[in-house]
Amino acid sequence: MAVAPAGILAIPLDHLADLLSNLSAFQTWTGEVDAAAAKAHTYTIYFDDPAQTTSQTDAEYRTAREGDRPLVVIAFEPGATAVPDTEPADYWQHSGTLSVIVEEIAGEDLSDQDAIMTAANSLGAILEELEQDAGTGGKLNVVRWHITEATARMAPEKVDAGQLDLVQTKVQIDWGED
C-alpha cells in the first residue's frame, strides 16, 4: 500500500498533482475526461516502468509501457524553506521548489522537430492554464516556473535498442504562500 503524503514537505507534491489533474489542458493532453482519471498520469518522486512478464512478447510489453504515457513525475528540489512570520504569532511561511518531468510518446510518423513542437504546444497550454488556476480555491500557489531541461526526443539508437520513442521536458515549479 502506498504511503499517503503528509506534512509540509510531502503535501506540496500531492497538491501539484491535484492542480495539474484539474486543468482541462492536462486532461486533454492525457486523453482523460476528468481530474481523477488524469491524476493517474501523475507520479511522485519517481516512475518505474513495470517489468516485462514472461508471458509478454516484446511488442506487448512496449504497448503496455506506452499506455502509461503521457505522464508527469513530480519530485523535490533542494531549497524548501520555512521562515517565521510576525503575524500571527508562531506562524511560519513555507516555500519550495518541485521538479516536474513531462514525458510523452513522440509518434513514429513525426519528425524530431514536429514531435518536439507538439510536446511544446501541449506543455505550453498546461503552463498557461496553471498560471491562471494556481493559488485559487486552496490550490498550490505557484509563484514561478521555468524549463530546466529543454524538450528533447529520445535518441534513435536508444529507440532501436528497445527504448520508447519519447519526448521529455523538465520544468521547475516554485511554490509559496501568499
C-alpha atoms as a PDB file:
ATOM      1  CA  MET A   1       0.000   0.000   0.000  1.00  0.00           C
ATOM      2  CA  ALA A   2       1.302   3.438  -0.930  1.00  0.00           C
ATOM      3  CA  VAL A   3       2.248   5.902   1.773  1.00  0.00           C
ATOM      4  CA  ALA A   4      -0.020   8.964   1.715  1.00  0.00           C
ATOM      5  CA  PRO A   5       1.631  12.384   1.614  1.00  0.00           C
ATOM      6  CA  ALA A   6       1.624  14.144   4.979  1.00  0.00           C
ATOM      7  CA  GLY A   7       3.438  17.146   6.342  1.00  0.00           C
ATOM      8  CA  ILE A   8       4.956  20.307   4.950  1.00  0.00           C
ATOM      9  CA  LEU A   9       7.363  18.560   2.561  1.00  0.00           C
ATOM     10  CA  ALA A  10       5.181  15.861   1.011  1.00  0.00           C
ATOM     11  CA  ILE A  11       1.848  17.663   0.729  1.00  0.00           C
ATOM     12  CA  PRO A  12       3.039  20.099  -1.986  1.00  0.00           C
ATOM     13  CA  LEU A  13       3.844  17.088  -4.202  1.00  0.00           C
ATOM     14  CA  ASP A  14       0.239  15.941  -3.983  1.00  0.00           C
ATOM     15  CA  HIS A  15      -1.132  19.475  -4.303  1.00  0.00           C
ATOM     16  CA  LEU A  16       0.755  19.977  -7.571  1.00  0.00           C
ATOM     17  CA  ALA A  17      -0.589  16.641  -8.846  1.00  0.00           C
ATOM     18  CA  ASP A  18      -4.106  17.803  -7.916  1.00  0.00           C
ATOM     19  CA  LEU A  19      -3.584  21.190  -9.543  1.00  0.00           C
ATOM     20  CA  LEU A  20      -2.333  19.645 -12.789  1.00  0.00           C
ATOM     21  CA  SER A  21      -5.000  16.954 -12.970  1.00  0.00           C
ATOM     22  CA  ASN A  22      -7.754  19.564 -12.608  1.00  0.00           C
ATOM     23  CA  LEU A  23      -6.518  21.588 -15.597  1.00  0.00           C
ATOM     24  CA  SER A  24      -8.521  21.000 -18.770  1.00  0.00           C
ATOM     25  CA  ALA A  25      -5.298  21.289 -20.820  1.00  0.00           C
ATOM     26  CA  PHE A  26      -3.732  18.497 -18.733  1.00  0.00           C
ATOM     27  CA  GLN A  27      -6.833  16.340 -19.135  1.00  0.00           C
ATOM     28  CA  THR A  28      -6.749  16.918 -22.899  1.00  0.00           C
ATOM     29  CA  TRP A  29      -3.035  16.040 -23.013  1.00  0.00           C
ATOM     30  CA  THR A  30      -3.599  12.805 -21.080  1.00  0.00           C
ATOM     31  CA  GLY A  31      -6.712  11.917 -23.079  1.00  0.00           C
ATOM     32  CA  GLU A  32      -8.783  11.707 -19.912  1.00  0.00           C
ATOM     33  CA  VAL A  33     -12.206  13.232 -19.259  1.00  0.00           C
ATOM     34  CA  ASP A  34     -11.920  14.107 -15.570  1.00  0.00           C
ATOM     35  CA  ALA A  35      -9.436  15.021 -12.860  1.00  0.00           C
ATOM     36  CA  ALA A  36      -9.451  11.611 -11.168  1.00  0.00           C
ATOM     37  CA  ALA A  37      -8.508   9.810 -14.376  1.00  0.00           C
ATOM     38  CA  ALA A  38      -5.945  12.481 -15.284  1.00  0.00           C
ATOM     39  CA  LYS A  39      -4.302  12.188 -11.850  1.00  0.00           C
ATOM     40  CA  ALA A  40      -3.442   8.583 -12.712  1.00  0.00           C
ATOM     41  CA  HIS A  41      -0.883  10.135 -15.112  1.00  0.00           C
ATOM     42  CA  THR A  42       0.935  11.887 -12.239  1.00  0.00           C
ATOM     43  CA  TYR A  43       3.648  10.212 -10.195  1.00  0.00           C
ATOM     44  CA  THR A  44       5.523  11.484  -7.172  1.00  0.00           C
ATOM     45  CA  ILE A  45       9.226  11.016  -6.576  1.00  0.00           C
ATOM     46  CA  TYR A  46       9.788   8.569  -9.460  1.00  0.00           C
ATOM     47  CA  PHE A  47       8.171   6.400 -12.107  1.00  0.00           C
ATOM     48  CA  ASP A  48       9.422   2.929 -12.926  1.00  0.00           C
ATOM     49  CA  ASP A  49       8.228   1.058 -15.974  1.00  0.00           C
ATOM     50  CA  PRO A  50       6.797  -2.271 -14.853  1.00  0.00           C
ATOM     51  CA  ALA A  51       8.957  -5.304 -15.521  1.00  0.00           C
ATOM     52  CA  GLN A  52       8.245  -7.405 -18.588  1.00  0.00           C
ATOM     53  CA  THR A  53       6.410 -10.586 -17.679  1.00  0.00           C
ATOM     54  CA  THR A  54       7.472 -13.915 -19.150  1.00  0.00           C
ATOM     55  CA  SER A  55       4.137 -14.178 -20.976  1.00  0.00           C
ATOM     56  CA  GLN A  56       4.554 -10.813 -22.759  1.00  0.00           C
ATOM     57  CA  THR A  57       6.174 -10.527 -26.152  1.00  0.00           C
ATOM     58  CA  ASP A  58       8.477  -7.548 -26.673  1.00  0.00           C
ATOM     59  CA  ALA A  59       5.718  -5.854 -28.699  1.00  0.00           C
ATOM     60  CA  GLU A  60       3.123  -6.432 -25.958  1.00  0.00           C
ATOM     61  CA  TYR A  61       5.491  -5.084 -23.332  1.00  0.00           C
ATOM     62  CA  ARG A  62       6.233  -1.996 -25.428  1.00  0.00           C
ATOM     63  CA  THR A  63       2.492  -1.369 -25.904  1.00  0.00           C
ATOM     64  CA  ALA A  64       1.894  -1.714 -22.144  1.00  0.00           C
ATOM     65  CA  ARG A  65       4.675   0.795 -21.401  1.00  0.00           C
ATOM     66  CA  GLU A  66       3.317   3.235 -23.980  1.00  0.00           C
ATOM     67  CA  GLY A  67      -0.089   3.021 -22.277  1.00  0.00           C
ATOM     68  CA  ASP A  68       1.351   4.700 -19.166  1.00  0.00           C
ATOM     69  CA  ARG A  69       2.177   7.812 -21.189  1.00  0.00           C
ATOM     70  CA  PRO A  70       1.798  10.713 -21.226  1.00  0.00           C
ATOM     71  CA  LEU A  71       2.863  11.263 -17.640  1.00  0.00           C
ATOM     72  CA  VAL A  72       4.496  13.657 -15.238  1.00  0.00           C
ATOM     73  CA  VAL A  73       6.846  12.815 -12.375  1.00  0.00           C
ATOM     74  CA  ILE A  74       6.860  15.341  -9.533  1.00  0.00           C
ATOM     75  CA  ALA A  75       9.821  15.382  -7.142  1.00  0.00           C
ATOM     76  CA  PHE A  76      11.551  17.584  -4.571  1.00  0.00           C
ATOM     77  CA  GLU A  77      14.282  20.020  -5.450  1.00  0.00           C
ATOM     78  CA  PRO A  78      16.703  21.430  -2.868  1.00  0.00           C
ATOM     79  CA  GLY A  79      15.655  24.688  -1.273  1.00  0.00           C
ATOM     80  CA  ALA A  80      12.436  24.154   0.671  1.00  0.00           C
ATOM     81  CA  THR A  81      12.274  26.853   3.322  1.00  0.00           C
ATOM     82  CA  ALA A  82      10.221  27.962   6.274  1.00  0.00           C
ATOM     83  CA  VAL A  83      10.532  31.414   7.796  1.00  0.00           C
ATOM     84  CA  PRO A  84       8.701  32.757  10.825  1.00  0.00           C
ATOM     85  CA  ASP A  85       6.143  35.460  10.195  1.00  0.00           C
ATOM     86  CA  THR A  86       5.372  38.135  12.762  1.00  0.00           C
ATOM     87  CA  GLU A  87       1.587  37.997  12.333  1.00  0.00           C
ATOM     88  CA  PRO A  88       0.008  35.823  13.515  1.00  0.00           C
ATOM     89  CA  ALA A  89       2.431  34.772  16.216  1.00  0.00           C
ATOM     90  CA  ASP A  90       4.012  31.340  15.789  1.00  0.00           C
ATOM     91  CA  TYR A  91       3.143  31.209  12.076  1.00  0.00           C
ATOM     92  CA  TRP A  92       5.684  30.031   9.537  1.00  0.00           C
ATOM     93  CA  GLN A  93       5.632  30.797   5.813  1.00  0.00           C
ATOM     94  CA  HIS A  94       6.621  27.824   3.641  1.00  0.00           C
ATOM     95  CA  SER A  95       8.004  27.750   0.129  1.00  0.00           C
ATOM     96  CA  GLY A  96       9.916  25.354  -2.041  1.00  0.00           C
ATOM     97  CA  THR A  97      10.754  24.011  -5.439  1.00  0.00           C
ATOM     98  CA  LEU A  98       9.440  20.951  -7.218  1.00  0.00           C
ATOM     99  CA  SER A  99      10.777  19.417 -10.404  1.00  0.00           C
ATOM    100  CA  VAL A 100       8.380  18.027 -12.956  1.00  0.00           C
ATOM    101  CA  ILE A 101       9.460  15.629 -15.688  1.00  0.00           C
ATOM    102  CA  VAL A 102       6.945  15.796 -18.530  1.00  0.00           C
ATOM    103  CA  GLU A 103       7.039  12.764 -20.809  1.00  0.00           C
ATOM    104  CA  GLU A 104       5.008  11.650 -23.803  1.00  0.00           C
ATOM    105  CA  ILE A 105       5.242   9.277 -26.752  1.00  0.00           C
ATOM    106  CA  ALA A 106       6.728  11.089 -29.742  1.00  0.00           C
ATOM    107  CA  GLY A 107       4.786   9.415 -32.517  1.00  0.00           C
ATOM    108  CA  GLU A 108       6.705   7.415 -35.094  1.00  0.00           C
ATOM    109  CA  ASP A 109       5.298   9.384 -38.013  1.00  0.00           C
ATOM    110  CA  LEU A 110       6.580  12.729 -36.665  1.00  0.00           C
ATOM    111  CA  SER A 111       9.927  14.311 -37.435  1.00  0.00           C
ATOM    112  CA  ASP A 112      12.028  15.330 -34.432  1.00  0.00           C
ATOM    113  CA  GLN A 113      11.017  18.952 -34.955  1.00  0.00           C
ATOM    114  CA  ASP A 114       7.298  18.146 -35.163  1.00  0.00           C
ATOM    115  CA  ALA A 115       7.430  15.811 -32.141  1.00  0.00           C
ATOM    116  CA  ILE A 116       9.179  18.482 -30.060  1.00  0.00           C
ATOM    117  CA  MET A 117       6.804  21.214 -31.275  1.00  0.00           C
ATOM    118  CA  THR A 118       3.774  19.039 -30.457  1.00  0.00           C
ATOM    119  CA  ALA A 119       5.119  18.488 -26.935  1.00  0.00           C
ATOM    120  CA  ALA A 120       5.920  22.195 -26.537  1.00  0.00           C
ATOM    121  CA  ASN A 121       2.404  23.161 -27.629  1.00  0.00           C
ATOM    122  CA  SER A 122       0.814  20.766 -25.109  1.00  0.00           C
ATOM    123  CA  LEU A 123       3.105  21.816 -22.264  1.00  0.00           C
ATOM    124  CA  GLY A 124       2.583  25.488 -23.113  1.00  0.00           C
ATOM    125  CA  ALA A 125      -1.196  25.091 -22.856  1.00  0.00           C
ATOM    126  CA  ILE A 126      -0.812  23.330 -19.495  1.00  0.00           C
ATOM    127  CA  LEU A 127       1.519  26.022 -18.099  1.00  0.00           C
ATOM    128  CA  GLU A 128      -0.704  28.834 -19.367  1.00  0.00           C
ATOM    129  CA  GLU A 129      -3.730  27.360 -17.588  1.00  0.00           C
ATOM    130  CA  LEU A 130      -1.618  26.607 -14.482  1.00  0.00           C
ATOM    131  CA  GLU A 131      -0.731  30.321 -14.277  1.00  0.00           C
ATOM    132  CA  GLN A 132      -4.423  31.203 -14.161  1.00  0.00           C
ATOM    133  CA  ASP A 133      -5.509  28.472 -11.727  1.00  0.00           C
ATOM    134  CA  ALA A 134      -2.607  28.253  -9.256  1.00  0.00           C
ATOM    135  CA  GLY A 135      -3.247  29.741  -5.836  1.00  0.00           C
ATOM    136  CA  THR A 136      -7.016  29.905  -6.310  1.00  0.00           C
ATOM    137  CA  GLY A 137      -9.536  27.935  -4.291  1.00  0.00           C
ATOM    138  CA  GLY A 138      -6.950  26.457  -1.935  1.00  0.00           C
ATOM    139  CA  LYS A 139      -4.756  25.147  -4.767  1.00  0.00           C
ATOM    140  CA  LEU A 140      -0.959  25.161  -4.626  1.00  0.00           C
ATOM    141  CA  ASN A 141       0.310  28.699  -5.108  1.00  0.00           C
ATOM    142  CA  VAL A 142       2.814  28.552  -7.948  1.00  0.00           C
ATOM    143  CA  VAL A 143       4.966  31.668  -7.874  1.00  0.00           C
ATOM    144  CA  ARG A 144       7.270  30.828 -10.779  1.00  0.00           C
ATOM    145  CA  TRP A 145       8.018  28.132 -13.325  1.00  0.00           C
ATOM    146  CA  HIS A 146      10.868  27.648 -15.729  1.00  0.00           C
ATOM    147  CA  ILE A 147      12.195  24.999 -18.091  1.00  0.00           C
ATOM    148  CA  THR A 148      15.348  23.425 -16.665  1.00  0.00           C
ATOM    149  CA  GLU A 149      15.938  20.883 -19.434  1.00  0.00           C
ATOM    150  CA  ALA A 150      14.930  21.627 -22.980  1.00  0.00           C
ATOM    151  CA  THR A 151      12.356  19.488 -24.721  1.00  0.00           C
ATOM    152  CA  ALA A 152      14.179  16.630 -26.411  1.00  0.00           C
ATOM    153  CA  ARG A 153      13.388  13.416 -28.211  1.00  0.00           C
ATOM    154  CA  MET A 154      14.903  10.042 -27.340  1.00  0.00           C
ATOM    155  CA  ALA A 155      17.986   9.282 -29.412  1.00  0.00           C
ATOM    156  CA  PRO A 156      17.205   6.999 -32.395  1.00  0.00           C
ATOM    157  CA  GLU A 157      19.801   4.412 -31.337  1.00  0.00           C
ATOM    158  CA  LYS A 158      18.075   4.037 -27.965  1.00  0.00           C
ATOM    159  CA  VAL A 159      14.685   3.595 -29.656  1.00  0.00           C
ATOM    160  CA  ASP A 160      16.244   0.969 -31.946  1.00  0.00           C
ATOM    161  CA  ALA A 161      17.542  -0.778 -28.810  1.00  0.00           C
ATOM    162  CA  GLY A 162      14.009  -1.127 -27.416  1.00  0.00           C
ATOM    163  CA  GLN A 163      13.525   2.168 -25.579  1.00  0.00           C
ATOM    164  CA  LEU A 164      10.261   4.040 -26.094  1.00  0.00           C
ATOM    165  CA  ASP A 165      10.219   6.910 -28.594  1.00  0.00           C
ATOM    166  CA  LEU A 166       9.718   9.646 -26.007  1.00  0.00           C
ATOM    167  CA  VAL A 167       9.752  13.406 -25.861  1.00  0.00           C
ATOM    168  CA  GLN A 168      10.700  14.768 -22.462  1.00  0.00           C
ATOM    169  CA  THR A 169      10.937  18.197 -20.803  1.00  0.00           C
ATOM    170  CA  LYS A 170      11.908  19.118 -17.249  1.00  0.00           C
ATOM    171  CA  VAL A 171      10.155  22.041 -15.562  1.00  0.00           C
ATOM    172  CA  GLN A 172      10.933  23.605 -12.194  1.00  0.00           C
ATOM    173  CA  ILE A 173       7.941  24.828 -10.188  1.00  0.00           C
ATOM    174  CA  ASP A 174       8.500  27.277  -7.341  1.00  0.00           C
ATOM    175  CA  TRP A 175       5.656  27.454  -4.839  1.00  0.00           C
ATOM    176  CA  GLY A 176       4.956  29.529  -1.784  1.00  0.00           C
ATOM    177  CA  GLU A 177       2.313  31.056   0.383  1.00  0.00           C
ATOM    178  CA  ASP A 178       0.702  34.388  -0.429  1.00  0.00           C
END
